[in-house]
Amino acid sequence: MSGDHRPDGRQSAELVPLYAEHWRRAPFEEISDRCTRAVAGCAALRSLSYFNNGVVDFVIRPADAPPLPGGRELDLPIDVESRPGHQLVLSMETFDKALGPLLTGALMRTVVATPTGGLYCGRVKEQQHIVGITLRGDSVDAVDRTLNELVTDIRVHVLNRSAENPGGVPEQPYHCPDGSQELHFTAGSRVDEPLVARLRGVWQRHLNPVDLQYLAYYENWHLACVGDAFDDSRIGKRFLNIKPSARRRKYRDVADQLRDDIARLRDMLQLVSREPMNRLVLDVEEGAVYFHWLPGGRSGDFVCGVTLDQHEVGNAERRLREVLSELPRKVPRPRSVRW
């Protein structure tokens, strides 16, 4: 089965479905058909896997795709292709537990990106996930958009569930901070005064109560500075079940707790890309948590951003990328350095 052409005008490769032995086409063919159309319409997708209770049901991939590395002689093609996805689904469960104390809802979407490829995992419903693989770093965003639309399409038109807006609301107007926001700013215990002064200025230009409401800068896993707009009265409704001070502590706890999990993600990505991870998105029901690594830095050099508004998830990351463009660049480290 195949589509006639990709959106970029190139002829589509023939698509091959790989089904698990337990999988029955009926009554799930409507889901697999929609997944096939999504792969046919996105040239950057290496493959798409559908998981139920952590077990792969089917994989859609081009017929001419070479096997992913790491397979064993007796492994079935569906097991080789779905291995990164299976590991990411397990990571989703771990991340979901770590984010639970924030009281911002379940984890719906995870995006892991490197300069040469990435993975997407979206929750269709409880214990059902779609995982997409791309081997092109410049196409992670395109895969993200395609699979956000697919997850929403299946939820709304097949499962009769509500749209959860993974990735935010498309074409949401972009907010410009007016300078009147009330900000809370704290330097870490290891103070580099010139750096903190520079970061304070960047934080003041970009933090706001509408989209990007929290920013933290880490060097080698040590918090250098953190700022937020949690005390601004315009987002007071976000704190009916938790105080701003408690949420500040919990976001620091999340960064500490995820250190080992992020290292495991890096190892998992070896099946897709040999490059270090430069971006991780954890999209929950009420907003998202973002980790963007500093170019040339170590595994512990990153910026953590947060939005508490699901409609603004896309805009918040857009602003976070602007923040990174204003930060001092790190001296590139030798490639042999491990996470």
C-alpha atoms as a PDB file:
ATOM      1  CA  MET A   1       0.000   0.000   0.000  1.00  0.00           C
ATOM      2  CA  SER A   2       1.245   3.504  -0.724  1.00  0.00           C
ATOM      3  CA  GLY A   3       0.260   7.068  -1.359  1.00  0.00           C
ATOM      4  CA  ASP A   4       0.826   8.534  -4.824  1.00  0.00           C
ATOM      5  CA  HIS A   5       3.032  11.454  -3.804  1.00  0.00           C
ATOM      6  CA  ARG A   6       4.534  13.012  -0.708  1.00  0.00           C
ATOM      7  CA  PRO A   7       3.754  16.657   0.116  1.00  0.00           C
ATOM      8  CA  ASP A   8       7.156  17.678  -1.279  1.00  0.00           C
ATOM      9  CA  GLY A   9       6.222  16.239  -4.677  1.00  0.00           C
ATOM     10  CA  ARG A  10       8.491  13.170  -4.526  1.00  0.00           C
ATOM     11  CA  GLN A  11       7.096   9.777  -5.399  1.00  0.00           C
ATOM     12  CA  SER A  12       6.058   7.885  -2.266  1.00  0.00           C
ATOM     13  CA  ALA A  13       7.810   4.686  -1.294  1.00  0.00           C
ATOM     14  CA  GLU A  14       5.605   1.630  -0.996  1.00  0.00           C
ATOM     15  CA  LEU A  15       4.444   1.267   2.592  1.00  0.00           C
ATOM     16  CA  VAL A  16       4.554  -2.109   4.301  1.00  0.00           C
ATOM     17  CA  PRO A  17       2.451  -2.893   7.389  1.00  0.00           C
ATOM     18  CA  LEU A  18       4.060  -5.201   9.933  1.00  0.00           C
ATOM     19  CA  TYR A  19       1.463  -6.817  12.191  1.00  0.00           C
ATOM     20  CA  ALA A  20       2.020  -8.538  15.528  1.00  0.00           C
ATOM     21  CA  GLU A  21       0.799 -12.119  15.788  1.00  0.00           C
ATOM     22  CA  HIS A  22      -1.896 -11.144  18.287  1.00  0.00           C
ATOM     23  CA  TRP A  23      -3.238  -8.300  16.170  1.00  0.00           C
ATOM     24  CA  ARG A  24      -6.649  -8.599  14.521  1.00  0.00           C
ATOM     25  CA  ARG A  25      -7.354  -6.163  11.718  1.00  0.00           C
ATOM     26  CA  ALA A  26     -11.034  -5.887  12.632  1.00  0.00           C
ATOM     27  CA  PRO A  27     -12.209  -3.850  14.503  1.00  0.00           C
ATOM     28  CA  PHE A  28      -9.016  -1.741  14.475  1.00  0.00           C
ATOM     29  CA  GLU A  29      -8.603  -1.270  10.746  1.00  0.00           C
ATOM     30  CA  GLU A  30      -9.861   2.311  10.921  1.00  0.00           C
ATOM     31  CA  ILE A  31      -6.952   3.177  13.207  1.00  0.00           C
ATOM     32  CA  SER A  32      -4.336   1.390  11.084  1.00  0.00           C
ATOM     33  CA  ASP A  33      -5.705   2.993   7.908  1.00  0.00           C
ATOM     34  CA  ARG A  34      -5.405   6.472   9.413  1.00  0.00           C
ATOM     35  CA  CYS A  35      -1.870   5.685  10.557  1.00  0.00           C
ATOM     36  CA  THR A  36      -0.941   4.520   7.063  1.00  0.00           C
ATOM     37  CA  ARG A  37      -2.254   7.725   5.515  1.00  0.00           C
ATOM     38  CA  ALA A  38      -0.252   9.763   8.023  1.00  0.00           C
ATOM     39  CA  VAL A  39       2.995   7.982   7.100  1.00  0.00           C
ATOM     40  CA  ALA A  40       2.230   8.341   3.386  1.00  0.00           C
ATOM     41  CA  GLY A  41       1.706  12.074   3.865  1.00  0.00           C
ATOM     42  CA  CYS A  42       4.891  12.806   5.828  1.00  0.00           C
ATOM     43  CA  ALA A  43       8.122  12.220   3.925  1.00  0.00           C
ATOM     44  CA  ALA A  44      10.225  12.582   7.085  1.00  0.00           C
ATOM     45  CA  LEU A  45       8.621   9.647   8.925  1.00  0.00           C
ATOM     46  CA  ARG A  46      10.896   6.602   8.952  1.00  0.00           C
ATOM     47  CA  SER A  47       8.137   4.527  10.586  1.00  0.00           C
ATOM     48  CA  LEU A  48       5.107   4.620  12.848  1.00  0.00           C
ATOM     49  CA  SER A  49       4.363   2.083  15.589  1.00  0.00           C
ATOM     50  CA  TYR A  50       1.115   1.576  17.497  1.00  0.00           C
ATOM     51  CA  PHE A  51       1.322   0.250  21.060  1.00  0.00           C
ATOM     52  CA  ASN A  52      -1.386  -1.153  23.318  1.00  0.00           C
ATOM     53  CA  ASN A  53      -0.483  -1.787  26.980  1.00  0.00           C
ATOM     54  CA  GLY A  54       3.173  -1.420  26.058  1.00  0.00           C
ATOM     55  CA  VAL A  55       2.999  -4.127  23.356  1.00  0.00           C
ATOM     56  CA  VAL A  56       3.324  -3.253  19.677  1.00  0.00           C
ATOM     57  CA  ASP A  57       0.247  -4.008  17.547  1.00  0.00           C
ATOM     58  CA  PHE A  58       1.542  -2.899  14.158  1.00  0.00           C
ATOM     59  CA  VAL A  59       4.241  -0.882  12.409  1.00  0.00           C
ATOM     60  CA  ILE A  60       3.923   1.097   9.167  1.00  0.00           C
ATOM     61  CA  ARG A  61       7.167   1.760   7.284  1.00  0.00           C
ATOM     62  CA  PRO A  62       8.507   2.091   3.714  1.00  0.00           C
ATOM     63  CA  ALA A  63       9.322  -1.242   2.112  1.00  0.00           C
ATOM     64  CA  ASP A  64      12.847  -0.137   1.222  1.00  0.00           C
ATOM     65  CA  ALA A  65      13.789   1.032   4.749  1.00  0.00           C
ATOM     66  CA  PRO A  66      16.935  -0.764   5.974  1.00  0.00           C
ATOM     67  CA  PRO A  67      16.701  -2.448   9.398  1.00  0.00           C
ATOM     68  CA  LEU A  68      17.472  -0.346  12.458  1.00  0.00           C
ATOM     69  CA  PRO A  69      20.665  -1.309  14.305  1.00  0.00           C
ATOM     70  CA  GLY A  70      20.588  -3.519  17.358  1.00  0.00           C
ATOM     71  CA  GLY A  71      18.538  -6.387  15.986  1.00  0.00           C
ATOM     72  CA  ARG A  72      19.379 -10.018  16.666  1.00  0.00           C
ATOM     73  CA  GLU A  73      19.348 -12.825  14.134  1.00  0.00           C
ATOM     74  CA  LEU A  74      16.012 -14.304  15.259  1.00  0.00           C
ATOM     75  CA  ASP A  75      14.226 -10.989  15.832  1.00  0.00           C
ATOM     76  CA  LEU A  76      11.142 -10.330  13.745  1.00  0.00           C
ATOM     77  CA  PRO A  77      11.210  -7.128  11.642  1.00  0.00           C
ATOM     78  CA  ILE A  78       8.339  -5.666  13.703  1.00  0.00           C
ATOM     79  CA  ASP A  79      10.336  -6.158  16.913  1.00  0.00           C
ATOM     80  CA  VAL A  80      13.464  -4.510  15.496  1.00  0.00           C
ATOM     81  CA  GLU A  81      11.556  -1.514  14.152  1.00  0.00           C
ATOM     82  CA  SER A  82       9.453  -0.988  17.269  1.00  0.00           C
ATOM     83  CA  ARG A  83      12.268  -1.405  19.841  1.00  0.00           C
ATOM     84  CA  PRO A  84      13.013   2.349  20.237  1.00  0.00           C
ATOM     85  CA  GLY A  85       9.291   3.028  20.497  1.00  0.00           C
ATOM     86  CA  HIS A  86       8.794   0.382  23.153  1.00  0.00           C
ATOM     87  CA  GLN A  87      11.553   1.907  25.238  1.00  0.00           C
ATOM     88  CA  LEU A  88      10.083   5.387  24.808  1.00  0.00           C
ATOM     89  CA  VAL A  89       6.634   4.199  25.916  1.00  0.00           C
ATOM     90  CA  LEU A  90       8.254   2.840  29.091  1.00  0.00           C
ATOM     91  CA  SER A  91      10.031   6.175  29.573  1.00  0.00           C
ATOM     92  CA  MET A  92       6.676   7.947  29.214  1.00  0.00           C
ATOM     93  CA  GLU A  93       5.425   6.029  32.245  1.00  0.00           C
ATOM     94  CA  THR A  94       8.481   7.069  34.252  1.00  0.00           C
ATOM     95  CA  PHE A  95       8.177  10.718  33.231  1.00  0.00           C
ATOM     96  CA  ASP A  96       4.456  10.689  33.991  1.00  0.00           C
ATOM     97  CA  LYS A  97       5.131   9.588  37.572  1.00  0.00           C
ATOM     98  CA  ALA A  98       7.854  12.216  38.013  1.00  0.00           C
ATOM     99  CA  LEU A  99       5.517  14.978  36.804  1.00  0.00           C
ATOM    100  CA  GLY A 100       2.542  13.789  38.847  1.00  0.00           C
ATOM    101  CA  PRO A 101       3.265  15.960  41.949  1.00  0.00           C
ATOM    102  CA  LEU A 102       2.961  19.093  39.769  1.00  0.00           C
ATOM    103  CA  LEU A 103      -0.804  18.432  39.458  1.00  0.00           C
ATOM    104  CA  THR A 104      -0.854  19.423  35.776  1.00  0.00           C
ATOM    105  CA  GLY A 105      -2.446  16.243  34.452  1.00  0.00           C
ATOM    106  CA  ALA A 106      -1.220  13.158  32.621  1.00  0.00           C
ATOM    107  CA  LEU A 107       1.668  13.120  30.169  1.00  0.00           C
ATOM    108  CA  MET A 108       0.233  13.111  26.640  1.00  0.00           C
ATOM    109  CA  ARG A 109       3.206  13.681  24.347  1.00  0.00           C
ATOM    110  CA  THR A 110       6.962  13.270  24.423  1.00  0.00           C
ATOM    111  CA  VAL A 111       9.364  14.540  21.767  1.00  0.00           C
ATOM    112  CA  VAL A 112      13.052  13.601  21.836  1.00  0.00           C
ATOM    113  CA  ALA A 113      15.281  15.313  19.271  1.00  0.00           C
ATOM    114  CA  THR A 114      18.909  15.192  18.141  1.00  0.00           C
ATOM    115  CA  PRO A 115      20.640  17.015  15.260  1.00  0.00           C
ATOM    116  CA  THR A 116      20.169  13.925  13.048  1.00  0.00           C
ATOM    117  CA  GLY A 117      16.864  12.399  14.097  1.00  0.00           C
ATOM    118  CA  GLY A 118      14.293  11.979  16.789  1.00  0.00           C
ATOM    119  CA  LEU A 119      11.342  10.179  18.323  1.00  0.00           C
ATOM    120  CA  TYR A 120       7.745  11.146  19.037  1.00  0.00           C
ATOM    121  CA  CYS A 121       5.399   9.370  21.453  1.00  0.00           C
ATOM    122  CA  GLY A 122       1.766  10.426  21.735  1.00  0.00           C
ATOM    123  CA  ARG A 123      -0.882   9.017  24.049  1.00  0.00           C
ATOM    124  CA  VAL A 124      -4.057   8.143  22.124  1.00  0.00           C
ATOM    125  CA  LYS A 125      -5.828   7.033  25.293  1.00  0.00           C
ATOM    126  CA  GLU A 126      -4.854   5.240  28.475  1.00  0.00           C
ATOM    127  CA  GLN A 127      -2.216   2.592  27.637  1.00  0.00           C
ATOM    128  CA  GLN A 128      -2.398   3.271  23.889  1.00  0.00           C
ATOM    129  CA  HIS A 129       0.452   5.158  22.206  1.00  0.00           C
ATOM    130  CA  ILE A 130       1.703   6.116  18.776  1.00  0.00           C
ATOM    131  CA  VAL A 131       5.465   6.360  18.228  1.00  0.00           C
ATOM    132  CA  GLY A 132       7.073   7.952  15.188  1.00  0.00           C
ATOM    133  CA  ILE A 133      10.730   7.780  14.147  1.00  0.00           C
ATOM    134  CA  THR A 134      12.547  10.245  11.912  1.00  0.00           C
ATOM    135  CA  LEU A 135      16.175  10.024  10.816  1.00  0.00           C
ATOM    136  CA  ARG A 136      16.295  13.704   9.909  1.00  0.00           C
ATOM    137  CA  GLY A 137      16.972  16.268  12.601  1.00  0.00           C
ATOM    138  CA  ASP A 138      15.479  19.099  10.560  1.00  0.00           C
ATOM    139  CA  SER A 139      12.182  17.225  10.267  1.00  0.00           C
ATOM    140  CA  VAL A 140      11.387  16.525  13.920  1.00  0.00           C
ATOM    141  CA  ASP A 141       8.937  19.436  13.973  1.00  0.00           C
ATOM    142  CA  ALA A 142       7.164  18.187  10.831  1.00  0.00           C
ATOM    143  CA  VAL A 143       6.775  14.710  12.322  1.00  0.00           C
ATOM    144  CA  ASP A 144       5.562  16.284  15.561  1.00  0.00           C
ATOM    145  CA  ARG A 145       2.828  18.241  13.770  1.00  0.00           C
ATOM    146  CA  THR A 146       1.747  15.244  11.685  1.00  0.00           C
ATOM    147  CA  LEU A 147       1.431  12.912  14.655  1.00  0.00           C
ATOM    148  CA  ASN A 148      -0.279  15.494  16.869  1.00  0.00           C
ATOM    149  CA  GLU A 149      -2.927  15.755  14.161  1.00  0.00           C
ATOM    150  CA  LEU A 150      -3.131  11.963  13.878  1.00  0.00           C
ATOM    151  CA  VAL A 151      -3.569  11.447  17.622  1.00  0.00           C
ATOM    152  CA  THR A 152      -6.316  14.078  17.697  1.00  0.00           C
ATOM    153  CA  ASP A 153      -7.984  12.594  14.608  1.00  0.00           C
ATOM    154  CA  ILE A 154      -8.121   9.116  16.147  1.00  0.00           C
ATOM    155  CA  ARG A 155      -9.323  10.414  19.516  1.00  0.00           C
ATOM    156  CA  VAL A 156     -12.098  12.544  18.048  1.00  0.00           C
ATOM    157  CA  HIS A 157     -13.287  10.606  14.985  1.00  0.00           C
ATOM    158  CA  VAL A 158     -12.614   7.001  15.965  1.00  0.00           C
ATOM    159  CA  LEU A 159     -12.783   6.876  19.764  1.00  0.00           C
ATOM    160  CA  ASN A 160     -15.325   9.693  20.232  1.00  0.00           C
ATOM    161  CA  ARG A 161     -13.120  11.415  22.791  1.00  0.00           C
ATOM    162  CA  SER A 162     -12.255  15.049  23.270  1.00  0.00           C
ATOM    163  CA  ALA A 163      -9.343  16.776  21.580  1.00  0.00           C
ATOM    164  CA  GLU A 164      -6.510  17.290  24.076  1.00  0.00           C
ATOM    165  CA  ASN A 165      -4.510  19.630  21.807  1.00  0.00           C
ATOM    166  CA  PRO A 166      -1.103  17.926  22.019  1.00  0.00           C
ATOM    167  CA  GLY A 167       1.476  20.483  20.947  1.00  0.00           C
ATOM    168  CA  GLY A 168      -0.895  23.350  21.698  1.00  0.00           C
ATOM    169  CA  VAL A 169      -3.498  25.034  19.523  1.00  0.00           C
ATOM    170  CA  PRO A 170      -2.259  25.606  15.944  1.00  0.00           C
ATOM    171  CA  GLU A 171      -2.026  29.246  14.851  1.00  0.00           C
ATOM    172  CA  GLN A 172      -2.488  30.451  18.426  1.00  0.00           C
ATOM    173  CA  PRO A 173      -1.707  34.231  18.456  1.00  0.00           C
ATOM    174  CA  TYR A 174       1.771  34.937  19.784  1.00  0.00           C
ATOM    175  CA  HIS A 175       1.859  37.098  22.901  1.00  0.00           C
ATOM    176  CA  CYS A 176       4.284  39.991  23.341  1.00  0.00           C
ATOM    177  CA  PRO A 177       5.173  40.671  27.009  1.00  0.00           C
ATOM    178  CA  ASP A 178       4.161  44.218  27.988  1.00  0.00           C
ATOM    179  CA  GLY A 179       6.738  44.631  30.752  1.00  0.00           C
ATOM    180  CA  SER A 180       4.171  44.774  33.544  1.00  0.00           C
ATOM    181  CA  GLN A 181       4.478  41.162  34.683  1.00  0.00           C
ATOM    182  CA  GLU A 182       5.486  40.368  38.227  1.00  0.00           C
ATOM    183  CA  LEU A 183       8.537  38.078  38.197  1.00  0.00           C
ATOM    184  CA  HIS A 184      10.290  36.000  40.840  1.00  0.00           C
ATOM    185  CA  PHE A 185      14.043  35.498  40.276  1.00  0.00           C
ATOM    186  CA  THR A 186      16.586  33.470  42.270  1.00  0.00           C
ATOM    187  CA  ALA A 187      20.297  32.781  41.694  1.00  0.00           C
ATOM    188  CA  GLY A 188      21.705  29.351  42.451  1.00  0.00           C
ATOM    189  CA  SER A 189      24.236  28.543  45.129  1.00  0.00           C
ATOM    190  CA  ARG A 190      27.147  28.631  42.674  1.00  0.00           C
ATOM    191  CA  VAL A 191      26.873  32.240  41.563  1.00  0.00           C
ATOM    192  CA  ASP A 192      28.640  33.487  38.450  1.00  0.00           C
ATOM    193  CA  GLU A 193      27.632  37.135  38.837  1.00  0.00           C
ATOM    194  CA  PRO A 194      28.223  38.303  35.216  1.00  0.00           C
ATOM    195  CA  LEU A 195      26.304  35.267  33.900  1.00  0.00           C
ATOM    196  CA  VAL A 196      23.441  35.729  36.360  1.00  0.00           C
ATOM    197  CA  ALA A 197      23.177  39.427  35.464  1.00  0.00           C
ATOM    198  CA  ARG A 198      22.951  38.535  31.786  1.00  0.00           C
ATOM    199  CA  LEU A 199      20.391  35.813  32.415  1.00  0.00           C
ATOM    200  CA  ARG A 200      18.280  38.116  34.532  1.00  0.00           C
ATOM    201  CA  GLY A 201      17.954  40.465  31.577  1.00  0.00           C
ATOM    202  CA  VAL A 202      16.984  37.630  29.222  1.00  0.00           C
ATOM    203  CA  TRP A 203      14.453  36.281  31.722  1.00  0.00           C
ATOM    204  CA  GLN A 204      12.869  39.740  32.113  1.00  0.00           C
ATOM    205  CA  ARG A 205      12.419  40.030  28.340  1.00  0.00           C
ATOM    206  CA  HIS A 206      10.804  36.643  27.847  1.00  0.00           C
ATOM    207  CA  LEU A 207       9.092  35.400  31.017  1.00  0.00           C
ATOM    208  CA  ASN A 208       5.416  36.317  31.127  1.00  0.00           C
ATOM    209  CA  PRO A 209       2.108  35.079  32.584  1.00  0.00           C
ATOM    210  CA  VAL A 210       0.644  34.070  29.200  1.00  0.00           C
ATOM    211  CA  ASP A 211       2.918  31.445  27.641  1.00  0.00           C
ATOM    212  CA  LEU A 212       6.448  30.928  29.039  1.00  0.00           C
ATOM    213  CA  GLN A 213       5.979  31.168  32.816  1.00  0.00           C
ATOM    214  CA  TYR A 214       9.125  29.452  34.171  1.00  0.00           C
ATOM    215  CA  LEU A 215      12.785  29.376  33.117  1.00  0.00           C
ATOM    216  CA  ALA A 216      15.741  27.693  34.800  1.00  0.00           C
ATOM    217  CA  TYR A 217      19.370  27.627  33.634  1.00  0.00           C
ATOM    218  CA  TYR A 218      21.573  24.672  34.616  1.00  0.00           C
ATOM    219  CA  GLU A 219      25.323  24.191  34.311  1.00  0.00           C
ATOM    220  CA  ASN A 220      26.548  20.632  34.793  1.00  0.00           C
ATOM    221  CA  TRP A 221      23.228  19.845  36.522  1.00  0.00           C
ATOM    222  CA  HIS A 222      23.683  22.689  39.029  1.00  0.00           C
ATOM    223  CA  LEU A 223      20.995  25.374  39.025  1.00  0.00           C
ATOM    224  CA  ALA A 224      22.581  28.729  38.108  1.00  0.00           C
ATOM    225  CA  CYS A 225      19.403  30.792  38.144  1.00  0.00           C
ATOM    226  CA  VAL A 226      15.651  30.418  37.915  1.00  0.00           C
ATOM    227  CA  GLY A 227      12.798  32.812  37.297  1.00  0.00           C
ATOM    228  CA  ASP A 228       9.039  32.604  36.980  1.00  0.00           C
ATOM    229  CA  ALA A 229       5.828  34.585  36.691  1.00  0.00           C
ATOM    230  CA  PHE A 230       3.932  32.416  39.194  1.00  0.00           C
ATOM    231  CA  ASP A 231       3.127  35.377  41.474  1.00  0.00           C
ATOM    232  CA  ASP A 232       1.443  37.346  38.696  1.00  0.00           C
ATOM    233  CA  SER A 233      -2.272  37.741  39.457  1.00  0.00           C
ATOM    234  CA  ARG A 234      -3.166  36.952  35.840  1.00  0.00           C
ATOM    235  CA  ILE A 235      -2.315  33.285  36.317  1.00  0.00           C
ATOM    236  CA  GLY A 236      -3.643  32.928  39.843  1.00  0.00           C
ATOM    237  CA  LYS A 237      -6.230  30.412  38.613  1.00  0.00           C
ATOM    238  CA  ARG A 238      -3.355  28.009  37.883  1.00  0.00           C
ATOM    239  CA  PHE A 239      -2.585  27.767  41.598  1.00  0.00           C
ATOM    240  CA  LEU A 240      -5.908  26.800  43.129  1.00  0.00           C
ATOM    241  CA  ASN A 241      -4.538  23.372  44.124  1.00  0.00           C
ATOM    242  CA  ILE A 242      -0.881  24.204  44.730  1.00  0.00           C
ATOM    243  CA  LYS A 243       1.019  27.266  45.974  1.00  0.00           C
ATOM    244  CA  PRO A 244       3.579  29.004  43.722  1.00  0.00           C
ATOM    245  CA  SER A 245       6.351  28.286  46.232  1.00  0.00           C
ATOM    246  CA  ALA A 246       5.505  24.568  46.207  1.00  0.00           C
ATOM    247  CA  ARG A 247       5.456  24.433  42.431  1.00  0.00           C
ATOM    248  CA  ARG A 248       8.874  26.114  42.271  1.00  0.00           C
ATOM    249  CA  ARG A 249      10.319  23.411  44.498  1.00  0.00           C
ATOM    250  CA  LYS A 250       8.680  20.652  42.519  1.00  0.00           C
ATOM    251  CA  TYR A 251      10.085  21.824  39.176  1.00  0.00           C
ATOM    252  CA  ARG A 252      13.562  21.727  40.707  1.00  0.00           C
ATOM    253  CA  ASP A 253      12.808  18.244  42.016  1.00  0.00           C
ATOM    254  CA  VAL A 254      11.700  17.134  38.534  1.00  0.00           C
ATOM    255  CA  ALA A 255      14.991  18.244  36.971  1.00  0.00           C
ATOM    256  CA  ASP A 256      16.918  16.316  39.628  1.00  0.00           C
ATOM    257  CA  GLN A 257      14.748  13.204  39.333  1.00  0.00           C
ATOM    258  CA  LEU A 258      14.969  13.056  35.542  1.00  0.00           C
ATOM    259  CA  ARG A 259      18.766  13.076  35.411  1.00  0.00           C
ATOM    260  CA  ASP A 260      19.114   9.291  35.283  1.00  0.00           C
ATOM    261  CA  ASP A 261      16.058   8.908  33.043  1.00  0.00           C
ATOM    262  CA  ILE A 262      17.476  11.375  30.531  1.00  0.00           C
ATOM    263  CA  ALA A 263      20.749   9.416  30.492  1.00  0.00           C
ATOM    264  CA  ARG A 264      18.769   6.274  29.655  1.00  0.00           C
ATOM    265  CA  LEU A 265      16.991   8.146  26.869  1.00  0.00           C
ATOM    266  CA  ARG A 266      20.364   9.034  25.411  1.00  0.00           C
ATOM    267  CA  ASP A 267      21.318   5.351  25.277  1.00  0.00           C
ATOM    268  CA  MET A 268      17.969   4.480  23.716  1.00  0.00           C
ATOM    269  CA  LEU A 269      18.515   7.071  20.985  1.00  0.00           C
ATOM    270  CA  GLN A 270      21.605   5.214  19.779  1.00  0.00           C
ATOM    271  CA  LEU A 271      19.216   3.133  17.657  1.00  0.00           C
ATOM    272  CA  VAL A 272      18.094   6.287  15.856  1.00  0.00           C
ATOM    273  CA  SER A 273      20.939   8.800  16.092  1.00  0.00           C
ATOM    274  CA  ARG A 274      24.550   8.835  17.312  1.00  0.00           C
ATOM    275  CA  GLU A 275      24.283  12.536  18.147  1.00  0.00           C
ATOM    276  CA  PRO A 276      23.554  13.784  21.690  1.00  0.00           C
ATOM    277  CA  MET A 277      20.014  14.793  22.562  1.00  0.00           C
ATOM    278  CA  ASN A 278      19.383  18.526  22.203  1.00  0.00           C
ATOM    279  CA  ARG A 279      15.675  18.745  23.056  1.00  0.00           C
ATOM    280  CA  LEU A 280      13.089  16.986  25.201  1.00  0.00           C
ATOM    281  CA  VAL A 281       9.414  17.972  25.405  1.00  0.00           C
ATOM    282  CA  LEU A 282       7.084  16.598  28.074  1.00  0.00           C
ATOM    283  CA  ASP A 283       3.585  17.747  27.128  1.00  0.00           C
ATOM    284  CA  VAL A 284       0.983  17.251  29.878  1.00  0.00           C
ATOM    285  CA  GLU A 285      -2.737  18.021  29.962  1.00  0.00           C
ATOM    286  CA  GLU A 286      -2.080  21.507  31.355  1.00  0.00           C
ATOM    287  CA  GLY A 287       0.967  22.813  29.548  1.00  0.00           C
ATOM    288  CA  ALA A 288       4.423  21.357  29.009  1.00  0.00           C
ATOM    289  CA  VAL A 289       7.946  21.088  30.407  1.00  0.00           C
ATOM    290  CA  TYR A 290      10.831  21.643  27.984  1.00  0.00           C
ATOM    291  CA  PHE A 291      14.513  20.789  28.225  1.00  0.00           C
ATOM    292  CA  HIS A 292      16.767  22.407  25.622  1.00  0.00           C
ATOM    293  CA  TRP A 293      20.486  21.654  25.791  1.00  0.00           C
ATOM    294  CA  LEU A 294      23.040  24.393  25.209  1.00  0.00           C
ATOM    295  CA  PRO A 295      24.986  23.994  21.943  1.00  0.00           C
ATOM    296  CA  GLY A 296      28.525  22.820  22.640  1.00  0.00           C
ATOM    297  CA  GLY A 297      27.762  22.171  26.301  1.00  0.00           C
ATOM    298  CA  ARG A 298      27.782  19.113  28.518  1.00  0.00           C
ATOM    299  CA  SER A 299      24.839  16.841  29.179  1.00  0.00           C
ATOM    300  CA  GLY A 300      24.081  18.894  32.304  1.00  0.00           C
ATOM    301  CA  ASP A 301      24.091  22.275  30.524  1.00  0.00           C
ATOM    302  CA  PHE A 302      20.505  23.082  29.607  1.00  0.00           C
ATOM    303  CA  VAL A 303      17.550  25.394  30.012  1.00  0.00           C
ATOM    304  CA  CYS A 304      14.268  24.144  31.458  1.00  0.00           C
ATOM    305  CA  GLY A 305      11.119  26.025  30.456  1.00  0.00           C
ATOM    306  CA  VAL A 306       7.490  25.586  31.480  1.00  0.00           C
ATOM    307  CA  THR A 307       4.095  26.679  30.297  1.00  0.00           C
ATOM    308  CA  LEU A 308       0.926  26.056  32.306  1.00  0.00           C
ATOM    309  CA  ASP A 309      -1.477  26.710  29.407  1.00  0.00           C
ATOM    310  CA  GLN A 310      -2.124  23.866  26.956  1.00  0.00           C
ATOM    311  CA  HIS A 311      -3.223  26.291  24.243  1.00  0.00           C
ATOM    312  CA  GLU A 312       0.177  27.999  24.445  1.00  0.00           C
ATOM    313  CA  VAL A 313       2.424  24.911  24.281  1.00  0.00           C
ATOM    314  CA  GLY A 314       3.664  25.709  20.780  1.00  0.00           C
ATOM    315  CA  ASN A 315       4.168  29.406  21.484  1.00  0.00           C
ATOM    316  CA  ALA A 316       6.024  28.730  24.729  1.00  0.00           C
ATOM    317  CA  GLU A 317       8.585  26.577  22.959  1.00  0.00           C
ATOM    318  CA  ARG A 318       8.883  29.152  20.201  1.00  0.00           C
ATOM    319  CA  ARG A 319       9.770  31.702  22.876  1.00  0.00           C
ATOM    320  CA  LEU A 320      12.175  29.281  24.557  1.00  0.00           C
ATOM    321  CA  ARG A 321      14.078  28.984  21.296  1.00  0.00           C
ATOM    322  CA  GLU A 322      14.367  32.771  21.239  1.00  0.00           C
ATOM    323  CA  VAL A 323      15.749  32.616  24.784  1.00  0.00           C
ATOM    324  CA  LEU A 324      18.428  30.142  23.706  1.00  0.00           C
ATOM    325  CA  SER A 325      19.490  32.427  20.851  1.00  0.00           C
ATOM    326  CA  GLU A 326      20.346  35.109  23.445  1.00  0.00           C
ATOM    327  CA  LEU A 327      22.357  32.888  25.791  1.00  0.00           C
ATOM    328  CA  PRO A 328      26.167  32.683  25.792  1.00  0.00           C
ATOM    329  CA  ARG A 329      27.430  29.802  23.686  1.00  0.00           C
ATOM    330  CA  LYS A 330      29.386  27.008  25.278  1.00  0.00           C
ATOM    331  CA  VAL A 331      32.849  25.939  24.112  1.00  0.00           C
ATOM    332  CA  PRO A 332      32.300  22.683  22.186  1.00  0.00           C
ATOM    333  CA  ARG A 333      33.203  19.584  24.163  1.00  0.00           C
ATOM    334  CA  PRO A 334      35.034  16.525  22.739  1.00  0.00           C
ATOM    335  CA  ARG A 335      32.601  14.039  21.218  1.00  0.00           C
ATOM    336  CA  SER A 336      33.954  11.300  23.496  1.00  0.00           C
ATOM    337  CA  VAL A 337      32.328  12.897  26.560  1.00  0.00           C
ATOM    338  CA  ARG A 338      29.484  10.674  27.804  1.00  0.00           C
ATOM    339  CA  TRP A 339      26.252  11.705  29.502  1.00  0.00           C
END
